[in-house]
Protein backbone atom coordinates (compact mmCIF):
# COMPACT_ATOMS: atom_id res chain seq x y z
CA MET A 1 89.46 161.13 -13.07
CA PHE A 2 88.11 163.25 -15.29
CA HIS A 3 89.05 163.95 -19.12
CA SER A 4 91.40 167.38 -18.95
CA VAL A 5 92.85 167.64 -22.48
CA ASN A 6 91.01 170.11 -24.76
CA ILE A 7 88.42 171.03 -21.56
CA HIS A 8 88.46 174.64 -23.06
CA LEU A 9 86.11 172.46 -25.62
CA THR A 10 83.06 171.86 -24.31
CA PRO A 11 81.10 174.51 -24.70
CA LEU A 12 81.46 173.95 -28.19
CA LEU A 13 80.57 170.63 -27.64
CA ALA A 14 77.31 171.03 -25.96
CA GLU A 15 75.86 173.89 -28.14
CA ALA A 16 76.56 170.70 -30.83
CA MET A 17 74.13 168.94 -29.38
CA ASP A 18 72.14 170.98 -28.06
CA LYS A 19 72.26 170.64 -24.78
CA ARG A 20 72.81 173.34 -21.17
CA HIS A 21 76.99 173.29 -20.57
CA VAL A 22 77.10 173.25 -16.84
CA SER A 23 81.01 174.14 -15.69
CA ALA A 24 82.79 173.44 -12.37
CA THR A 25 85.92 173.34 -11.21
CA THR A 26 88.71 171.15 -9.29
CA ARG A 27 92.22 170.63 -8.27
CA GLY A 28 91.76 167.03 -9.86
CA GLU A 29 93.18 166.43 -5.92
CA LYS A 30 92.20 162.08 -5.78
CA GLU A 31 88.15 161.57 -4.27
CA GLY A 32 88.68 165.68 -3.57
CA GLU A 33 87.59 165.92 -6.89
CA LEU A 34 84.27 163.60 -6.03
CA ASP A 35 83.15 165.76 -3.74
CA ASP A 36 83.51 168.69 -6.22
CA LEU A 37 81.11 166.29 -8.90
CA ALA A 38 78.66 165.86 -5.94
CA ALA A 39 78.92 169.78 -5.06
CA ALA A 40 78.05 170.27 -9.12
CA LEU A 41 75.30 167.78 -9.55
CA GLY A 42 73.36 168.59 -6.74
CA GLY A 43 72.41 172.19 -7.74
CA LEU A 44 71.15 170.62 -11.22
CA GLY A 45 67.89 169.09 -10.17
CA VAL A 46 68.91 165.95 -12.68
CA GLU A 47 67.47 162.14 -11.82
CA GLY A 48 70.66 160.67 -12.87
CA VAL A 49 74.06 160.11 -14.29
CA VAL A 50 75.65 158.55 -17.80
CA SER A 51 79.14 157.64 -17.53
CA GLY A 52 81.13 155.77 -20.70
CA ALA A 53 82.62 153.82 -18.26
CA VAL A 54 83.78 150.55 -19.91
CA ALA A 55 86.04 149.17 -17.46
CA SER A 56 87.26 150.76 -15.61
CA THR A 57 85.93 150.02 -11.73
CA TYR A 58 87.72 152.92 -9.89
CA GLN A 59 85.90 155.36 -11.75
CA ARG A 60 82.56 152.67 -12.03
CA GLU A 61 82.30 152.90 -8.47
CA ARG A 62 83.47 156.87 -7.79
CA VAL A 63 80.53 158.02 -9.63
CA ASP A 64 78.32 154.83 -7.95
CA ALA A 65 78.73 156.39 -4.20
CA ILE A 66 78.37 160.09 -5.63
CA CYS A 67 74.69 159.15 -7.14
CA ARG A 68 73.94 156.96 -3.89
CA ARG A 69 74.51 159.42 -1.57
CA LEU A 70 73.10 162.06 -3.41
CA GLY A 71 69.37 160.02 -4.65
CA LEU A 72 70.52 159.38 -8.13
CA THR A 73 70.73 156.92 -10.68
CA HIS A 74 73.68 155.87 -12.55
CA VAL A 75 73.54 154.60 -15.71
CA ALA A 76 76.14 152.56 -17.15
CA PRO A 77 75.60 151.72 -20.91
CA LEU A 78 79.17 150.49 -21.97
CA TRP A 79 79.85 148.84 -18.89
CA GLY A 80 81.20 145.26 -19.08
CA ARG A 81 81.90 145.51 -22.67
CA ARG A 82 84.44 143.82 -25.10
CA GLN A 83 86.47 147.20 -25.37
CA ASP A 84 87.47 146.67 -28.92
CA GLU A 85 83.39 145.99 -29.92
CA VAL A 86 82.47 149.41 -28.28
CA LEU A 87 85.20 151.43 -29.96
CA ALA A 88 83.82 149.17 -33.95
CA GLU A 89 80.29 150.36 -32.46
CA GLU A 90 81.41 154.42 -32.37
CA VAL A 91 82.90 154.41 -35.20
CA ALA A 92 80.10 152.21 -37.72
CA ALA A 93 77.53 154.77 -36.29
CA GLY A 94 79.12 157.34 -37.33
CA MET A 95 81.25 159.15 -34.34
CA GLU A 96 84.57 160.80 -35.75
CA ILE A 97 86.83 160.75 -33.46
CA VAL A 98 90.51 161.96 -32.85
CA ILE A 99 93.28 160.95 -30.42
CA THR A 100 94.41 164.25 -28.13
CA ALA A 101 96.38 162.57 -25.99
CA VAL A 102 98.95 159.07 -25.63
CA ALA A 103 100.29 157.82 -21.96
CA ALA A 104 101.50 154.32 -22.86
CA ARG A 105 103.92 152.10 -24.13
CA GLY A 106 102.99 151.56 -27.72
CA LEU A 107 100.97 154.76 -28.12
CA ASP A 108 103.66 157.52 -30.09
CA ARG A 109 103.80 160.30 -31.43
CA SER A 110 102.14 159.76 -34.96
CA TRP A 111 98.70 158.68 -32.60
CA LEU A 112 98.16 162.84 -31.99
CA GLY A 113 95.35 164.05 -34.12
CA ARG A 114 94.70 160.47 -35.98
CA THR A 115 91.58 159.86 -36.48
CA LEU A 116 89.75 156.71 -34.26
CA ASP A 117 89.14 154.54 -37.73
CA GLU A 118 88.61 150.60 -37.57
CA GLU A 119 92.11 150.11 -38.97
CA ALA A 120 93.43 152.52 -35.57
CA ILE A 121 90.89 150.02 -33.61
CA GLY A 122 93.29 147.07 -34.52
CA GLU A 123 95.92 148.48 -34.07
CA LEU A 124 95.08 149.81 -30.35
CA ALA A 125 93.84 146.05 -29.67
CA ASP A 126 96.88 144.60 -30.59
CA LEU A 127 98.39 147.25 -28.76
CA GLY A 128 96.45 146.24 -25.66
CA ARG A 129 97.87 142.72 -26.32
CA LYS A 130 101.28 143.10 -26.23
CA TYR A 131 101.42 145.47 -23.58
CA SER A 132 98.00 145.04 -21.59
CA LEU A 133 96.91 148.63 -22.09
CA ASN A 134 92.89 149.33 -21.92
CA VAL A 135 91.66 149.81 -25.71
CA CYS A 136 89.35 152.16 -24.90
CA GLY A 137 92.26 154.48 -22.70
CA GLU A 138 90.16 154.35 -19.68
CA GLY A 139 93.72 153.89 -17.66
CA GLY A 140 94.59 156.99 -19.38
CA GLU A 141 96.20 155.91 -21.84
CA TYR A 142 95.04 157.59 -23.76
CA GLU A 143 92.32 160.59 -24.20
CA SER A 144 90.45 161.33 -27.38
CA LEU A 145 87.71 163.92 -28.52
CA VAL A 146 84.62 163.50 -30.36
CA LEU A 147 83.67 165.66 -33.44
CA ASP A 148 81.03 164.79 -34.83
CA ALA A 149 77.79 162.18 -33.56
CA PRO A 150 75.39 160.87 -34.40
CA TRP A 151 72.53 163.47 -31.26
CA PHE A 152 75.57 166.64 -32.89
CA ARG A 153 72.96 169.26 -34.66
CA SER A 154 76.73 170.38 -35.93
CA ARG A 155 80.10 168.69 -35.88
CA LEU A 156 83.08 170.26 -34.50
CA GLU A 157 85.64 171.41 -36.58
CA ILE A 158 89.50 171.77 -35.62
CA ILE A 159 90.77 175.07 -37.52
CA GLU A 160 94.36 175.31 -35.12
CA ALA A 161 95.91 172.42 -33.27
CA ILE A 162 99.69 171.62 -31.98
CA THR A 163 101.46 168.36 -30.99
CA GLU A 164 103.58 168.95 -27.62
CA TRP A 165 105.65 165.58 -26.98
CA ASP A 166 107.64 164.99 -24.01
CA ASP A 167 109.90 161.75 -24.31
CA SER A 168 107.18 158.81 -24.41
CA SER A 169 104.18 161.03 -24.32
CA GLY A 170 101.86 163.62 -25.66
CA VAL A 171 99.08 166.44 -26.38
CA TYR A 172 97.57 168.10 -29.39
CA ARG A 173 96.39 170.40 -28.21
CA VAL A 174 93.49 172.32 -30.42
CA LYS A 175 93.90 176.29 -30.12
CA ARG A 176 91.08 177.39 -32.41
CA ALA A 177 87.84 175.18 -33.36
CA ARG A 178 84.28 176.12 -34.43
CA LEU A 179 81.29 174.27 -35.03
CA VAL A 180 79.98 173.80 -39.05
CA PRO A 181 77.21 171.80 -40.48
CA LYS A 182 77.12 167.97 -39.97
CA LEU A 183 78.66 166.85 -43.98
CA HIS A 184 75.20 164.48 -44.79
CA LYS A 185 76.84 161.36 -46.93
CA LYS A 186 74.41 160.59 -50.18
CA GLY A 187 74.21 156.83 -50.27
C-alpha cells in the first residue's frame, strides 16, 4: 500500500517543502500496515490526511477507514479524475518527476530514471490501453519521485543513482541526493 523505493529521501523532501518530517516503521504486511499508519497518525495532533489516490479503491477505502477510526478528515483531491489528465496537470504545473521503479508489461528498463513529460504521459496512456495498466501507477506498475514542485522551496538533485534490473522489473535507486536552489525560468 505504501511507496517504498527511495523512501530514504523523504527527510530531504520534507525539508524542500519546509515541513516537519515524521517517520514510522511498518513491516508492510497487508492490513497490519494500516494499524502502523493509524498508530503514527494518532499522536500527531492533525485534523486530516491528504492522499494522492486517483483510482485505487483499495487505497482510498483503507485511508478512509483509518481516518474514521481516528476522527480525521480524509481529503483525496485527485480521486476519480482521468489519470492522463492528472499527470498532464502535474507536468504543466512545473512538477519534475522521475520514474524510479517499473513492474508491469510494457514498462522496460528504459523507463528507469526517465523524466515524466508530455511524451512519457502519451506513452503511458497508450500502454494503459494496450495492457490495462494504471496510468498513474497506482497498481504498483511504477513508482516515481518528485524532484521539484511549485510548493518546494528548493529542489532535489540526484547526485548518484544506479539502475537494477531483473528480467521484467527494476528500480532506479538513488544513492546520493541533495537539495539545491530552485531554477527560476525567465519568461
